[in-house]
Amino acid sequence: MGVNAGETWTGGGLKFHGLSLSGVRTAIALPELSMSFDVAQGYPFLLNLKNFFISHGHLDHAAGIPYILSQKAMTGQPRAKFYMPPSLVDPMTRIMRIWGEIEKHEYDFEFIATRPDDLIPLSNRHFVKAFPTIHRIESNGYTLFESKRKLAPEYKDLPRERISEIARSGVEVAREEETPLVSFTGDTRIEFLESRPWIAKSKILMMECTYLDERKTVANAREWGHLHLDELIPLLPKIESEKIVLIHLSSRYSTREARSILDSRLPTSERGRVEIYPGR
């Protein structure tokens, strides 16, 4: 894996760049929005981003935090924001202070305790909401929303002149419409799907699915706070997402083998909707 690691994938009108492999690395960035879900070991494609959403504190998801902060300090970048489960803030703060002692440098950082349903503004049009996931340690998932003002349905068939007249009278003719664009789970058991209604309505659902076949059972997956394909398949009809992108697959599967397993196990109608994130 070279320093310029990661693969680009597009979906739902968004460009992603990242990589994910169970126990090794997970970081999925949206460069155009200057944000990333998790940071793996801190790859170059992450270093200029402004907002980092950390699902939990395991090393394959969060080890890159000190490195990213170091690189930002070295290049004189403004302070980035790291959103993370509340129980991670104090230990990560201690880690950075110890690292500062080692390097004889005082790091400038912002670790923000983020709880389910917290709303984080990104721009005039985008914000992120946290949702609860179920792992071995405290963990969050995150959903990127797009907010747009749209004409209320009751006015959409009226002539433009009439709409303007109604608006001039003081009546609000537009409404704010919030669309869940991407939900990212980090590591979790399957119950995350029931935690918030918007998750299964996201255009892109980027979710862990560590195990795909009989080599590991559902019980094995649940013991370690992970998800098995056997649990996902029966729930596919309830998920409204345009794309379901599987991340965090076990390294026991090559990409080719994993795709072959999906082709053999998924219903025919779902094979074009369920994908594996490239660049494992």
Protein backbone atom coordinates (compact mmCIF):
# COMPACT_ATOMS: atom_id res chain seq x y z
CA MET A 1 0.00 0.00 0.00
CA GLY A 2 1.71 3.20 -1.18
CA VAL A 3 1.54 6.59 0.47
CA ASN A 4 -0.99 7.75 -2.11
CA ALA A 5 -3.40 5.06 -1.00
CA GLY A 6 -7.10 4.96 -1.63
CA GLU A 7 -9.53 4.56 -4.48
CA THR A 8 -12.14 6.92 -5.87
CA TRP A 9 -15.79 5.94 -6.08
CA THR A 10 -18.77 8.06 -7.15
CA GLY A 11 -22.41 7.69 -6.21
CA GLY A 12 -25.42 9.88 -5.54
CA GLY A 13 -23.70 12.81 -7.23
CA LEU A 14 -20.82 12.68 -4.73
CA LYS A 15 -17.16 11.74 -5.07
CA PHE A 16 -15.55 9.57 -2.39
CA HIS A 17 -11.92 8.65 -1.92
CA GLY A 18 -10.74 6.10 0.60
CA LEU A 19 -10.16 2.52 1.62
CA SER A 20 -11.48 0.00 4.13
CA LEU A 21 -10.31 -3.42 5.30
CA SER A 22 -11.36 -5.04 8.56
CA GLY A 23 -8.80 -4.65 11.34
CA VAL A 24 -6.37 -2.83 9.03
CA ARG A 25 -7.70 0.54 7.79
CA THR A 26 -10.90 2.51 7.26
CA ALA A 27 -11.06 6.09 6.00
CA ILE A 28 -13.61 7.37 3.49
CA ALA A 29 -13.26 11.02 2.47
CA LEU A 30 -15.51 13.38 0.54
CA PRO A 31 -12.83 15.79 -0.69
CA GLU A 32 -15.22 18.33 -2.20
CA LEU A 33 -16.84 18.81 1.21
CA SER A 34 -13.49 18.71 3.05
CA MET A 35 -14.59 15.91 5.35
CA SER A 36 -13.81 12.28 6.12
CA PHE A 37 -15.47 9.41 7.91
CA ASP A 38 -12.66 7.88 10.05
CA VAL A 39 -8.96 8.37 9.33
CA ALA A 40 -7.24 4.94 9.31
CA GLN A 41 -3.49 5.59 9.81
CA GLY A 42 -3.63 9.09 8.33
CA TYR A 43 -3.07 8.90 4.57
CA PRO A 44 -2.06 11.86 2.37
CA PHE A 45 -5.54 12.24 0.88
CA LEU A 46 -6.77 13.25 4.37
CA LEU A 47 -4.21 15.87 5.28
CA ASN A 48 -5.90 18.98 3.85
CA LEU A 49 -9.43 18.23 5.05
CA LYS A 50 -11.19 20.32 7.71
CA ASN A 51 -13.73 18.00 9.36
CA PHE A 52 -13.18 14.44 10.56
CA PHE A 53 -15.98 12.23 11.85
CA ILE A 54 -14.54 9.42 13.97
CA SER A 55 -16.82 6.43 14.52
CA HIS A 56 -14.84 4.90 17.41
CA GLY A 57 -11.38 4.62 18.86
CA HIS A 58 -10.02 1.38 17.41
CA LEU A 59 -6.66 1.84 15.72
CA ASP A 60 -7.77 0.85 12.22
CA HIS A 61 -10.24 3.76 12.30
CA ALA A 62 -8.55 6.41 14.46
CA ALA A 63 -4.78 5.85 14.63
CA GLY A 64 -4.16 8.60 12.08
CA ILE A 65 -5.40 11.43 14.28
CA PRO A 66 -1.94 12.34 15.72
CA TYR A 67 -0.30 12.12 12.30
CA ILE A 68 -2.90 14.37 10.65
CA LEU A 69 -2.49 16.93 13.44
CA SER A 70 1.29 16.77 13.08
CA GLN A 71 1.13 17.35 9.32
CA LYS A 72 -1.29 20.24 9.73
CA ALA A 73 1.04 21.85 12.27
CA MET A 74 4.03 21.38 9.96
CA THR A 75 2.25 22.96 6.99
CA GLY A 76 0.67 25.81 8.98
CA GLN A 77 -2.92 24.79 8.34
CA PRO A 78 -5.75 26.14 10.52
CA ARG A 79 -7.17 23.89 13.24
CA ALA A 80 -9.29 21.00 11.99
CA LYS A 81 -12.28 19.61 13.87
CA PHE A 82 -12.48 16.00 14.99
CA TYR A 83 -15.95 14.79 16.00
CA MET A 84 -15.96 11.62 18.09
CA PRO A 85 -17.87 9.66 20.74
CA PRO A 86 -17.66 11.43 24.15
CA SER A 87 -15.64 8.66 25.82
CA LEU A 88 -12.87 9.08 23.23
CA VAL A 89 -12.21 12.79 23.82
CA ASP A 90 -10.26 12.51 27.08
CA PRO A 91 -7.94 9.62 26.12
CA MET A 92 -7.21 11.18 22.71
CA THR A 93 -6.43 14.49 24.44
CA ARG A 94 -3.98 12.70 26.74
CA ILE A 95 -2.39 10.95 23.77
CA MET A 96 -1.81 14.27 22.02
CA ARG A 97 -0.33 15.85 25.13
CA ILE A 98 2.06 12.92 25.58
CA TRP A 99 2.99 13.11 21.90
CA GLY A 100 3.61 16.82 22.38
CA GLU A 101 5.99 15.99 25.26
CA ILE A 102 7.84 13.54 23.04
CA GLU A 103 8.19 16.03 20.20
CA LYS A 104 8.66 19.15 22.35
CA HIS A 105 5.73 20.74 20.57
CA GLU A 106 2.31 21.95 21.76
CA TYR A 107 -0.35 20.76 19.36
CA ASP A 108 -3.43 22.81 18.55
CA PHE A 109 -6.43 20.52 18.19
CA GLU A 110 -10.18 20.39 18.66
CA PHE A 111 -11.82 17.14 19.73
CA ILE A 112 -15.59 17.51 19.92
CA ALA A 113 -17.74 15.09 21.91
CA THR A 114 -20.54 14.06 19.56
CA ARG A 115 -23.69 12.27 20.71
CA PRO A 116 -26.52 10.69 18.72
CA ASP A 117 -28.74 13.33 17.07
CA ASP A 118 -26.11 16.07 17.40
CA LEU A 119 -26.19 18.26 14.29
CA ILE A 120 -22.93 19.60 12.85
CA PRO A 121 -23.19 22.35 10.19
CA LEU A 122 -20.74 22.08 7.29
CA SER A 123 -21.99 24.72 4.88
CA ASN A 124 -25.16 26.58 3.94
CA ARG A 125 -26.38 23.43 2.22
CA HIS A 126 -24.86 20.55 4.16
CA PHE A 127 -24.82 19.26 7.71
CA VAL A 128 -24.00 16.00 9.50
CA LYS A 129 -26.05 14.17 12.11
CA ALA A 130 -24.71 11.48 14.41
CA PHE A 131 -26.60 8.27 15.10
CA PRO A 132 -25.93 5.41 17.54
CA THR A 133 -24.17 2.25 16.45
CA ILE A 134 -23.53 -0.93 18.45
CA HIS A 135 -19.91 -2.01 18.75
CA ARG A 136 -17.60 -3.33 21.50
CA ILE A 137 -16.86 0.25 22.59
CA GLU A 138 -18.85 3.48 22.34
CA SER A 139 -19.39 4.26 18.67
CA ASN A 140 -21.22 6.62 16.34
CA GLY A 141 -22.44 6.52 12.79
CA TYR A 142 -22.84 9.72 10.79
CA THR A 143 -25.22 10.93 8.09
CA LEU A 144 -24.46 13.72 5.63
CA PHE A 145 -27.58 15.73 4.80
CA GLU A 146 -28.28 18.25 2.06
CA SER A 147 -30.69 21.06 2.86
CA LYS A 148 -32.58 22.86 0.06
CA ARG A 149 -35.44 25.29 -0.05
CA LYS A 150 -38.17 24.02 -2.35
CA LEU A 151 -41.57 25.26 -3.36
CA ALA A 152 -44.26 23.77 -1.12
CA PRO A 153 -46.31 21.09 -2.92
CA GLU A 154 -49.56 23.04 -2.68
CA TYR A 155 -48.09 25.82 -4.85
CA LYS A 156 -46.18 23.85 -7.47
CA ASP A 157 -48.94 23.95 -10.12
CA LEU A 158 -49.67 27.67 -9.76
CA PRO A 159 -48.42 30.25 -12.29
CA ARG A 160 -45.25 32.07 -11.27
CA GLU A 161 -47.07 35.39 -11.01
CA ARG A 162 -49.58 33.90 -8.55
CA ILE A 163 -46.80 32.38 -6.43
CA SER A 164 -45.05 35.78 -6.29
CA GLU A 165 -48.30 37.42 -5.26
CA ILE A 166 -48.81 34.92 -2.43
CA ALA A 167 -45.23 35.40 -1.26
CA ARG A 168 -45.64 39.19 -1.22
CA SER A 169 -48.65 38.78 1.05
CA GLY A 170 -46.36 37.29 3.71
CA VAL A 171 -47.14 33.61 3.17
CA GLU A 172 -44.13 31.25 3.18
CA VAL A 173 -44.31 29.46 -0.16
CA ALA A 174 -41.06 27.47 0.19
CA ARG A 175 -40.03 24.83 2.67
CA GLU A 176 -36.69 23.48 3.81
CA GLU A 177 -36.19 19.95 2.52
CA GLU A 178 -33.50 17.84 4.18
CA THR A 179 -32.22 14.86 2.20
CA PRO A 180 -29.95 12.20 3.75
CA LEU A 181 -27.21 11.78 1.18
CA VAL A 182 -24.75 9.39 2.85
CA SER A 183 -24.91 7.33 6.03
CA PHE A 184 -21.65 5.81 7.29
CA THR A 185 -21.69 3.24 10.07
CA GLY A 186 -18.16 2.46 11.16
CA ASP A 187 -18.21 -0.91 12.98
CA THR A 188 -21.58 -2.06 14.27
CA ARG A 189 -24.12 -4.78 14.75
CA ILE A 190 -27.15 -4.84 12.42
CA GLU A 191 -29.47 -3.08 14.90
CA PHE A 192 -28.10 0.31 13.83
CA LEU A 193 -30.65 0.22 10.99
CA GLU A 194 -33.50 0.59 13.47
CA SER A 195 -31.95 3.43 15.46
CA ARG A 196 -33.01 6.35 13.24
CA PRO A 197 -35.53 6.42 10.36
CA TRP A 198 -33.37 8.45 8.00
CA ILE A 199 -30.56 5.86 7.80
CA ALA A 200 -32.39 3.44 5.51
CA LYS A 201 -33.56 6.38 3.37
CA SER A 202 -30.04 7.67 2.65
CA LYS A 203 -29.14 7.77 -1.02
CA ILE A 204 -25.87 6.00 -0.17
CA LEU A 205 -25.65 3.63 2.79
CA MET A 206 -22.00 2.89 3.50
CA MET A 207 -22.03 0.10 6.05
CA GLU A 208 -19.67 -2.47 7.46
CA CYS A 209 -20.21 -6.10 6.53
CA THR A 210 -17.21 -7.97 7.85
CA TYR A 211 -18.25 -11.57 7.13
CA LEU A 212 -19.86 -12.94 3.97
CA ASP A 213 -20.14 -16.72 4.30
CA GLU A 214 -20.07 -19.77 6.54
CA ARG A 215 -16.41 -19.39 7.52
CA LYS A 216 -17.67 -17.09 10.27
CA THR A 217 -21.13 -17.35 11.82
CA VAL A 218 -23.56 -14.62 12.74
CA ALA A 219 -22.73 -15.36 16.37
CA ASN A 220 -19.03 -14.77 15.64
CA ALA A 221 -19.85 -11.43 14.05
CA ARG A 222 -22.11 -10.29 16.87
CA GLU A 223 -19.60 -11.29 19.55
CA TRP A 224 -17.15 -8.74 18.15
CA GLY A 225 -19.72 -6.06 17.35
CA HIS A 226 -19.73 -6.70 13.60
CA LEU A 227 -22.18 -7.57 10.87
CA HIS A 228 -22.66 -10.70 8.74
CA LEU A 229 -24.17 -10.84 5.25
CA ASP A 230 -26.67 -13.41 6.58
CA GLU A 231 -28.19 -10.63 8.69
CA LEU A 232 -28.26 -8.06 5.91
CA ILE A 233 -29.90 -10.06 3.12
CA PRO A 234 -33.35 -10.40 4.77
CA LEU A 235 -33.41 -6.65 5.51
CA LEU A 236 -32.55 -5.45 2.01
CA PRO A 237 -36.22 -4.82 1.04
CA LYS A 238 -36.52 -2.39 3.98
CA ILE A 239 -33.54 -0.31 2.86
CA GLU A 240 -34.52 2.42 0.41
CA SER A 241 -30.98 3.52 -0.49
CA GLU A 242 -29.99 3.81 -4.14
CA LYS A 243 -26.67 2.16 -3.30
CA ILE A 244 -25.55 -0.01 -0.37
CA VAL A 245 -21.75 0.10 -0.23
CA LEU A 246 -20.10 -2.56 1.91
CA ILE A 247 -16.95 -1.63 3.83
CA HIS A 248 -14.74 -3.31 6.45
CA LEU A 249 -14.75 -6.73 4.78
CA SER A 250 -12.51 -9.33 6.39
CA SER A 251 -9.07 -9.75 4.83
CA ARG A 252 -9.84 -13.48 4.43
CA TYR A 253 -11.75 -12.49 1.25
CA SER A 254 -9.97 -11.17 -1.81
CA THR A 255 -11.97 -8.52 -3.64
CA ARG A 256 -12.60 -10.96 -6.46
CA GLU A 257 -13.81 -13.66 -4.09
CA ALA A 258 -16.01 -11.24 -2.17
CA ARG A 259 -17.71 -10.11 -5.36
CA SER A 260 -18.24 -13.72 -6.38
CA ILE A 261 -19.86 -14.48 -3.01
CA LEU A 262 -22.18 -11.50 -3.34
CA ASP A 263 -23.17 -12.53 -6.87
CA SER A 264 -24.03 -16.01 -5.65
CA ARG A 265 -25.86 -14.99 -2.48
CA LEU A 266 -27.69 -11.76 -3.25
CA PRO A 267 -31.12 -11.80 -4.88
CA THR A 268 -30.84 -10.96 -8.57
CA SER A 269 -32.72 -7.70 -8.03
CA GLU A 270 -30.12 -6.50 -5.52
CA ARG A 271 -26.90 -7.28 -7.36
CA GLY A 272 -26.68 -3.87 -9.00
CA ARG A 273 -27.47 -2.02 -5.78
CA VAL A 274 -25.04 -3.67 -3.35
CA GLU A 275 -21.37 -2.90 -3.98
CA ILE A 276 -18.01 -3.37 -2.28
CA TYR A 277 -16.03 -0.19 -1.73
CA PRO A 278 -12.93 -0.36 -3.94
CA GLY A 279 -9.40 -0.06 -2.67
CA ARG A 280 -9.58 -2.50 0.21
